[in-house]
Amino acid sequence: MKTDKIVKLQINDELYNYQALKGIFTYIVRGVRDYGDSILYEIECQECRDHAKCRLLVSQMDNQKRFKYVSMINEDEENEQYYWHSTGDFFISKNDCKKAAYQKAKEYKEKQIEELKTKLKSAQENLIEIKLLIDGCI
């Protein structure tokens, strides 16, 4: 990673992650593990309410201002929560988080439209074949 692209977070800085059906989760930096060539951040989820606040490790993605899940720190094997935190990227601003979520939704809808266009084309071709069969019966 280019050193000029490294984002240095501090204790109490916030990161944001979008969870489908749940919205934007806020995470607070609680620890920094600096290994020289890489930095891991211990973050704590502020949305966890019915169990101990989840703590996880994230690291900066190569030359980007976003972070990726590495692992859970305080996972309870009887009440696993990692699946709420292990998907998607973590961002330093809510706006960037929203943009990424909207982009993902847009791409999903575009894919759906393309699939529907393909199905429509196939149905239209089938209809033409059926009309030809009907014409052949007359």
N, C-alpha and C. Protein backbone atom coordinates (compact mmCIF):
# COMPACT_ATOMS: atom_id res chain seq x y z
N MET A 1 0.85 -1.18 0.00
CA MET A 1 0.00 0.00 0.00
C MET A 1 0.89 1.23 0.00
N LYS A 2 0.48 2.23 -0.74
CA LYS A 2 1.23 3.47 -0.78
C LYS A 2 1.09 4.18 0.56
N THR A 3 2.21 4.60 1.12
CA THR A 3 2.17 5.21 2.44
C THR A 3 1.38 6.51 2.48
N ASP A 4 1.33 7.24 1.36
CA ASP A 4 0.57 8.49 1.34
C ASP A 4 -0.94 8.24 1.30
N LYS A 5 -1.35 6.99 1.07
CA LYS A 5 -2.77 6.63 1.01
C LYS A 5 -3.27 6.01 2.31
N ILE A 6 -2.37 5.82 3.26
CA ILE A 6 -2.77 5.20 4.53
C ILE A 6 -3.60 6.18 5.34
N VAL A 7 -4.77 5.71 5.76
CA VAL A 7 -5.64 6.50 6.63
C VAL A 7 -5.29 6.12 8.06
N LYS A 8 -4.89 7.08 8.85
CA LYS A 8 -4.53 6.84 10.24
C LYS A 8 -5.70 7.21 11.13
N LEU A 9 -6.39 6.21 11.62
CA LEU A 9 -7.51 6.45 12.53
C LEU A 9 -6.99 6.58 13.95
N GLN A 10 -7.74 7.30 14.76
CA GLN A 10 -7.39 7.50 16.16
C GLN A 10 -8.47 6.86 17.03
N ILE A 11 -8.14 6.62 18.28
CA ILE A 11 -9.13 6.13 19.25
C ILE A 11 -10.31 7.10 19.24
N ASN A 12 -11.53 6.55 19.26
CA ASN A 12 -12.81 7.27 19.25
C ASN A 12 -13.23 7.80 17.87
N ASP A 13 -12.42 7.59 16.81
CA ASP A 13 -12.88 7.90 15.46
C ASP A 13 -14.01 6.93 15.13
N GLU A 14 -14.82 7.31 14.14
CA GLU A 14 -15.95 6.47 13.76
C GLU A 14 -15.79 5.92 12.35
N LEU A 15 -16.29 4.70 12.17
CA LEU A 15 -16.41 4.07 10.86
C LEU A 15 -17.87 3.68 10.69
N TYR A 16 -18.29 3.52 9.41
CA TYR A 16 -19.69 3.22 9.12
C TYR A 16 -19.78 2.06 8.14
N ASN A 17 -20.78 1.21 8.35
CA ASN A 17 -20.99 0.04 7.53
C ASN A 17 -22.49 -0.11 7.30
N TYR A 18 -22.88 -0.34 6.04
CA TYR A 18 -24.30 -0.50 5.71
C TYR A 18 -24.69 -1.96 5.78
N GLN A 19 -25.78 -2.24 6.49
CA GLN A 19 -26.33 -3.59 6.57
C GLN A 19 -27.74 -3.58 6.00
N ALA A 20 -27.96 -4.41 4.98
CA ALA A 20 -29.30 -4.49 4.38
C ALA A 20 -30.32 -4.80 5.45
N LEU A 21 -31.44 -4.14 5.37
CA LEU A 21 -32.56 -4.27 6.30
C LEU A 21 -32.31 -3.68 7.68
N LYS A 22 -31.09 -3.28 7.96
CA LYS A 22 -30.75 -2.72 9.27
C LYS A 22 -30.33 -1.26 9.19
N GLY A 23 -29.77 -0.86 8.04
CA GLY A 23 -29.31 0.52 7.89
C GLY A 23 -27.83 0.66 8.13
N ILE A 24 -27.44 1.87 8.48
CA ILE A 24 -26.02 2.16 8.70
C ILE A 24 -25.65 1.89 10.16
N PHE A 25 -24.63 1.06 10.33
CA PHE A 25 -24.10 0.77 11.66
C PHE A 25 -22.92 1.72 11.91
N THR A 26 -22.82 2.20 13.12
CA THR A 26 -21.71 3.06 13.53
C THR A 26 -20.76 2.23 14.39
N TYR A 27 -19.47 2.39 14.14
CA TYR A 27 -18.43 1.70 14.89
C TYR A 27 -17.46 2.73 15.42
N ILE A 28 -16.99 2.52 16.65
CA ILE A 28 -16.01 3.43 17.26
C ILE A 28 -14.69 2.70 17.40
N VAL A 29 -13.61 3.37 17.00
CA VAL A 29 -12.27 2.79 17.13
C VAL A 29 -11.91 2.74 18.62
N ARG A 30 -11.60 1.53 19.09
CA ARG A 30 -11.25 1.32 20.50
C ARG A 30 -9.78 0.94 20.68
N GLY A 31 -9.13 0.55 19.59
CA GLY A 31 -7.73 0.18 19.69
C GLY A 31 -7.05 0.22 18.33
N VAL A 32 -5.74 0.39 18.35
CA VAL A 32 -4.95 0.44 17.11
C VAL A 32 -3.79 -0.53 17.26
N ARG A 33 -3.66 -1.42 16.31
CA ARG A 33 -2.54 -2.38 16.29
C ARG A 33 -1.67 -2.03 15.10
N ASP A 34 -0.60 -1.30 15.35
CA ASP A 34 0.29 -0.84 14.29
C ASP A 34 1.48 -1.78 14.17
N TYR A 35 1.57 -2.45 13.03
CA TYR A 35 2.64 -3.40 12.78
C TYR A 35 3.69 -2.84 11.83
N GLY A 36 3.66 -1.54 11.62
CA GLY A 36 4.62 -0.90 10.72
C GLY A 36 4.14 -0.90 9.29
N ASP A 37 4.11 -2.09 8.67
CA ASP A 37 3.66 -2.16 7.27
C ASP A 37 2.15 -2.34 7.14
N SER A 38 1.48 -2.59 8.25
CA SER A 38 0.02 -2.69 8.23
C SER A 38 -0.54 -2.26 9.60
N ILE A 39 -1.77 -1.81 9.56
CA ILE A 39 -2.43 -1.37 10.79
C ILE A 39 -3.79 -2.04 10.86
N LEU A 40 -4.08 -2.64 12.01
CA LEU A 40 -5.40 -3.19 12.27
C LEU A 40 -6.08 -2.30 13.31
N TYR A 41 -7.36 -2.08 13.11
CA TYR A 41 -8.12 -1.26 14.05
C TYR A 41 -9.15 -2.13 14.76
N GLU A 42 -9.18 -2.00 16.08
CA GLU A 42 -10.20 -2.65 16.88
C GLU A 42 -11.37 -1.68 16.94
N ILE A 43 -12.52 -2.12 16.42
CA ILE A 43 -13.69 -1.25 16.42
C ILE A 43 -14.83 -1.92 17.17
N GLU A 44 -15.71 -1.10 17.72
CA GLU A 44 -16.83 -1.59 18.51
C GLU A 44 -18.14 -1.10 17.90
N CYS A 45 -19.05 -2.03 17.66
CA CYS A 45 -20.33 -1.70 17.05
C CYS A 45 -21.23 -1.02 18.07
N GLN A 46 -21.80 0.11 17.69
CA GLN A 46 -22.69 0.86 18.58
C GLN A 46 -24.15 0.44 18.42
N GLU A 47 -24.44 -0.42 17.47
CA GLU A 47 -25.82 -0.84 17.22
C GLU A 47 -26.19 -2.12 17.95
N CYS A 48 -25.22 -2.83 18.48
CA CYS A 48 -25.49 -4.08 19.21
C CYS A 48 -26.18 -3.72 20.52
N ARG A 49 -27.40 -4.23 20.71
CA ARG A 49 -28.19 -3.85 21.88
C ARG A 49 -28.56 -5.03 22.78
N ASP A 50 -28.81 -6.20 22.19
CA ASP A 50 -29.30 -7.33 22.98
C ASP A 50 -28.18 -8.29 23.41
N HIS A 51 -26.96 -7.86 23.26
CA HIS A 51 -25.79 -8.64 23.66
C HIS A 51 -24.61 -7.66 23.82
N ALA A 52 -23.51 -8.18 24.30
CA ALA A 52 -22.32 -7.32 24.45
C ALA A 52 -21.98 -6.71 23.09
N LYS A 53 -21.56 -5.46 23.10
CA LYS A 53 -21.20 -4.79 21.83
C LYS A 53 -20.10 -5.59 21.14
N CYS A 54 -20.37 -5.90 19.88
CA CYS A 54 -19.39 -6.66 19.10
C CYS A 54 -18.14 -5.82 18.87
N ARG A 55 -17.01 -6.48 19.01
CA ARG A 55 -15.72 -5.86 18.72
C ARG A 55 -15.08 -6.66 17.61
N LEU A 56 -14.52 -5.95 16.63
CA LEU A 56 -13.91 -6.64 15.52
C LEU A 56 -12.67 -5.90 15.05
N LEU A 57 -11.90 -6.60 14.24
CA LEU A 57 -10.71 -6.02 13.63
C LEU A 57 -11.01 -5.71 12.18
N VAL A 58 -10.55 -4.54 11.74
CA VAL A 58 -10.65 -4.17 10.33
C VAL A 58 -9.29 -3.63 9.88
N SER A 59 -9.08 -3.70 8.58
CA SER A 59 -7.85 -3.12 8.02
C SER A 59 -8.21 -2.33 6.78
N GLN A 60 -7.38 -1.37 6.47
CA GLN A 60 -7.61 -0.52 5.30
C GLN A 60 -7.38 -1.33 4.03
N MET A 61 -8.28 -1.14 3.07
CA MET A 61 -8.11 -1.78 1.77
C MET A 61 -7.02 -1.02 1.01
N ASP A 62 -6.33 -1.70 0.13
CA ASP A 62 -5.22 -1.11 -0.60
C ASP A 62 -5.57 0.22 -1.25
N ASN A 63 -4.87 1.25 -0.84
CA ASN A 63 -4.93 2.59 -1.43
C ASN A 63 -6.35 3.17 -1.53
N GLN A 64 -7.23 2.76 -0.65
CA GLN A 64 -8.59 3.27 -0.67
C GLN A 64 -8.97 3.76 0.73
N LYS A 65 -9.94 4.63 0.79
CA LYS A 65 -10.37 5.16 2.08
C LYS A 65 -11.53 4.35 2.62
N ARG A 66 -11.37 3.02 2.58
CA ARG A 66 -12.36 2.14 3.17
C ARG A 66 -11.65 0.95 3.79
N PHE A 67 -12.37 0.27 4.64
CA PHE A 67 -11.78 -0.79 5.44
C PHE A 67 -12.57 -2.08 5.27
N LYS A 68 -11.90 -3.22 5.50
CA LYS A 68 -12.50 -4.54 5.37
C LYS A 68 -12.42 -5.28 6.70
N TYR A 69 -13.43 -6.09 6.92
CA TYR A 69 -13.50 -6.97 8.09
C TYR A 69 -12.33 -7.95 8.06
N VAL A 70 -11.72 -8.17 9.22
CA VAL A 70 -10.66 -9.17 9.36
C VAL A 70 -11.17 -10.31 10.24
N SER A 71 -11.62 -9.98 11.46
CA SER A 71 -12.15 -11.02 12.35
C SER A 71 -12.88 -10.39 13.53
N MET A 72 -13.62 -11.23 14.24
CA MET A 72 -14.27 -10.81 15.48
C MET A 72 -13.26 -10.94 16.61
N ILE A 73 -13.37 -10.06 17.59
CA ILE A 73 -12.49 -10.15 18.75
C ILE A 73 -13.22 -10.84 19.89
N ASN A 74 -14.50 -10.53 20.07
CA ASN A 74 -15.24 -11.05 21.22
C ASN A 74 -16.42 -11.94 20.82
N GLU A 75 -16.23 -12.79 19.82
CA GLU A 75 -17.31 -13.65 19.35
C GLU A 75 -17.76 -14.63 20.44
N ASP A 76 -19.07 -14.72 20.64
CA ASP A 76 -19.67 -15.67 21.57
C ASP A 76 -20.15 -16.85 20.74
N GLU A 77 -19.54 -18.02 20.93
CA GLU A 77 -19.87 -19.18 20.11
C GLU A 77 -21.34 -19.60 20.24
N GLU A 78 -21.98 -19.27 21.34
CA GLU A 78 -23.38 -19.63 21.54
C GLU A 78 -24.33 -18.58 20.96
N ASN A 79 -23.82 -17.41 20.62
CA ASN A 79 -24.65 -16.34 20.07
C ASN A 79 -23.83 -15.59 19.02
N GLU A 80 -23.51 -16.29 17.93
CA GLU A 80 -22.64 -15.70 16.90
C GLU A 80 -23.27 -14.47 16.27
N GLN A 81 -22.46 -13.46 16.09
CA GLN A 81 -22.92 -12.20 15.53
C GLN A 81 -22.09 -11.74 14.33
N TYR A 82 -21.02 -12.47 14.00
CA TYR A 82 -20.10 -12.02 12.96
C TYR A 82 -20.79 -11.73 11.64
N TYR A 83 -21.85 -12.46 11.32
CA TYR A 83 -22.49 -12.29 10.02
C TYR A 83 -23.08 -10.90 9.82
N TRP A 84 -23.35 -10.18 10.91
CA TRP A 84 -23.83 -8.79 10.77
C TRP A 84 -22.69 -7.84 10.44
N HIS A 85 -21.48 -8.25 10.72
CA HIS A 85 -20.35 -7.34 10.61
C HIS A 85 -19.34 -7.72 9.54
N SER A 86 -19.41 -8.93 9.02
CA SER A 86 -18.34 -9.43 8.15
C SER A 86 -18.55 -9.13 6.67
N THR A 87 -19.67 -8.52 6.32
CA THR A 87 -19.90 -8.23 4.91
C THR A 87 -19.84 -6.73 4.66
N GLY A 88 -19.50 -6.40 3.45
CA GLY A 88 -19.46 -4.99 3.09
C GLY A 88 -18.21 -4.30 3.60
N ASP A 89 -18.09 -3.06 3.20
CA ASP A 89 -16.93 -2.26 3.56
C ASP A 89 -17.29 -1.31 4.69
N PHE A 90 -16.26 -0.83 5.36
CA PHE A 90 -16.41 0.17 6.42
C PHE A 90 -15.83 1.47 5.88
N PHE A 91 -16.55 2.56 6.13
CA PHE A 91 -16.17 3.86 5.56
C PHE A 91 -15.93 4.89 6.66
N ILE A 92 -15.15 5.92 6.32
CA ILE A 92 -14.85 6.96 7.30
C ILE A 92 -15.91 8.05 7.32
N SER A 93 -16.87 8.01 6.37
CA SER A 93 -17.97 8.98 6.41
C SER A 93 -19.28 8.28 6.10
N LYS A 94 -20.36 8.77 6.69
CA LYS A 94 -21.69 8.21 6.42
C LYS A 94 -22.04 8.40 4.95
N ASN A 95 -21.64 9.53 4.38
CA ASN A 95 -21.95 9.80 2.98
C ASN A 95 -21.32 8.76 2.05
N ASP A 96 -20.05 8.44 2.28
CA ASP A 96 -19.39 7.41 1.47
C ASP A 96 -20.07 6.06 1.65
N CYS A 97 -20.51 5.78 2.86
CA CYS A 97 -21.21 4.54 3.16
C CYS A 97 -22.53 4.48 2.39
N LYS A 98 -23.27 5.57 2.40
CA LYS A 98 -24.54 5.64 1.66
C LYS A 98 -24.31 5.47 0.17
N LYS A 99 -23.30 6.17 -0.35
CA LYS A 99 -23.00 6.08 -1.79
C LYS A 99 -22.73 4.64 -2.20
N ALA A 100 -21.93 3.94 -1.41
CA ALA A 100 -21.60 2.55 -1.72
C ALA A 100 -22.84 1.66 -1.66
N ALA A 101 -23.69 1.90 -0.67
CA ALA A 101 -24.93 1.12 -0.54
C ALA A 101 -25.85 1.38 -1.73
N TYR A 102 -25.99 2.64 -2.12
CA TYR A 102 -26.84 2.98 -3.26
C TYR A 102 -26.27 2.40 -4.55
N GLN A 103 -24.95 2.44 -4.69
CA GLN A 103 -24.30 1.88 -5.88
C GLN A 103 -24.58 0.37 -5.98
N LYS A 104 -24.49 -0.30 -4.84
CA LYS A 104 -24.75 -1.74 -4.82
C LYS A 104 -26.20 -2.03 -5.19
N ALA A 105 -27.13 -1.23 -4.66
CA ALA A 105 -28.56 -1.39 -4.99
C ALA A 105 -28.80 -1.13 -6.47
N LYS A 106 -28.14 -0.10 -7.00
CA LYS A 106 -28.27 0.25 -8.43
C LYS A 106 -27.79 -0.91 -9.30
N GLU A 107 -26.62 -1.47 -8.97
CA GLU A 107 -26.08 -2.58 -9.74
C GLU A 107 -26.99 -3.79 -9.70
N TYR A 108 -27.59 -4.03 -8.53
CA TYR A 108 -28.52 -5.15 -8.39
C TYR A 108 -29.74 -4.96 -9.29
N LYS A 109 -30.29 -3.76 -9.30
CA LYS A 109 -31.46 -3.46 -10.13
C LYS A 109 -31.11 -3.55 -11.62
N GLU A 110 -29.93 -3.06 -11.99
CA GLU A 110 -29.50 -3.16 -13.38
C GLU A 110 -29.38 -4.63 -13.81
N LYS A 111 -28.86 -5.45 -12.93
CA LYS A 111 -28.75 -6.88 -13.21
C LYS A 111 -30.14 -7.49 -13.38
N GLN A 112 -31.06 -7.12 -12.49
CA GLN A 112 -32.43 -7.62 -12.60
C GLN A 112 -33.06 -7.21 -13.94
N ILE A 113 -32.86 -5.98 -14.34
CA ILE A 113 -33.41 -5.49 -15.60
C ILE A 113 -32.84 -6.28 -16.77
N GLU A 114 -31.54 -6.53 -16.77
CA GLU A 114 -30.92 -7.31 -17.85
C GLU A 114 -31.48 -8.72 -17.90
N GLU A 115 -31.66 -9.32 -16.73
CA GLU A 115 -32.24 -10.67 -16.69
C GLU A 115 -33.67 -10.67 -17.22
N LEU A 116 -34.44 -9.65 -16.87
CA LEU A 116 -35.82 -9.55 -17.36
C LEU A 116 -35.86 -9.31 -18.87
N LYS A 117 -34.93 -8.51 -19.37
CA LYS A 117 -34.86 -8.28 -20.82
C LYS A 117 -34.58 -9.59 -21.55
N THR A 118 -33.67 -10.40 -20.99
CA THR A 118 -33.35 -11.69 -21.59
C THR A 118 -34.58 -12.60 -21.58
N LYS A 119 -35.29 -12.63 -20.46
CA LYS A 119 -36.51 -13.44 -20.38
C LYS A 119 -37.57 -12.93 -21.35
N LEU A 120 -37.72 -11.62 -21.46
CA LEU A 120 -38.69 -11.04 -22.40
C LEU A 120 -38.35 -11.43 -23.84
N LYS A 121 -37.09 -11.32 -24.20
CA LYS A 121 -36.67 -11.67 -25.56
C LYS A 121 -36.98 -13.13 -25.84
N SER A 122 -36.69 -14.00 -24.89
CA SER A 122 -36.96 -15.42 -25.05
C SER A 122 -38.46 -15.68 -25.20
N ALA A 123 -39.28 -15.01 -24.38
CA ALA A 123 -40.73 -15.17 -24.46
C ALA A 123 -41.25 -14.67 -25.80
N GLN A 124 -40.70 -13.56 -26.30
CA GLN A 124 -41.12 -13.04 -27.60
C GLN A 124 -40.78 -14.02 -28.72
N GLU A 125 -39.59 -14.62 -28.65
CA GLU A 125 -39.19 -15.61 -29.65
C GLU A 125 -40.11 -16.83 -29.60
N ASN A 126 -40.45 -17.26 -28.38
CA ASN A 126 -41.36 -18.39 -28.23
C ASN A 126 -42.74 -18.07 -28.80
N LEU A 127 -43.18 -16.85 -28.59
CA LEU A 127 -44.48 -16.43 -29.11
C LEU A 127 -44.49 -16.46 -30.63
N ILE A 128 -43.42 -16.02 -31.25
CA ILE A 128 -43.31 -16.05 -32.72
C ILE A 128 -43.40 -17.50 -33.20
N GLU A 129 -42.71 -18.40 -32.53
CA GLU A 129 -42.74 -19.82 -32.90
C GLU A 129 -44.17 -20.38 -32.79
N ILE A 130 -44.86 -20.01 -31.71
CA ILE A 130 -46.24 -20.49 -31.51
C ILE A 130 -47.15 -19.96 -32.60
N LYS A 131 -46.98 -18.68 -32.95
CA LYS A 131 -47.80 -18.10 -34.04
C LYS A 131 -47.54 -18.83 -35.35
N LEU A 132 -46.29 -19.18 -35.63
CA LEU A 132 -45.97 -19.93 -36.84
C LEU A 132 -46.62 -21.30 -36.82
N LEU A 133 -46.62 -21.94 -35.65
CA LEU A 133 -47.27 -23.24 -35.51
C LEU A 133 -48.78 -23.13 -35.75
N ILE A 134 -49.37 -22.07 -35.20
CA ILE A 134 -50.80 -21.83 -35.41
C ILE A 134 -51.08 -21.61 -36.89
N ASP A 135 -50.27 -20.80 -37.53
CA ASP A 135 -50.45 -20.53 -38.97
C ASP A 135 -50.33 -21.82 -39.78
N GLY A 136 -49.47 -22.73 -39.33
CA GLY A 136 -49.28 -23.99 -40.04
C GLY A 136 -50.48 -24.92 -39.91
N CYS A 137 -51.28 -24.70 -38.90
CA CYS A 137 -52.47 -25.53 -38.68
C CYS A 137 -53.66 -25.06 -39.51
N ILE A 138 -53.60 -23.87 -40.03
CA ILE A 138 -54.75 -23.29 -40.77
C ILE A 138 -54.69 -23.68 -42.21
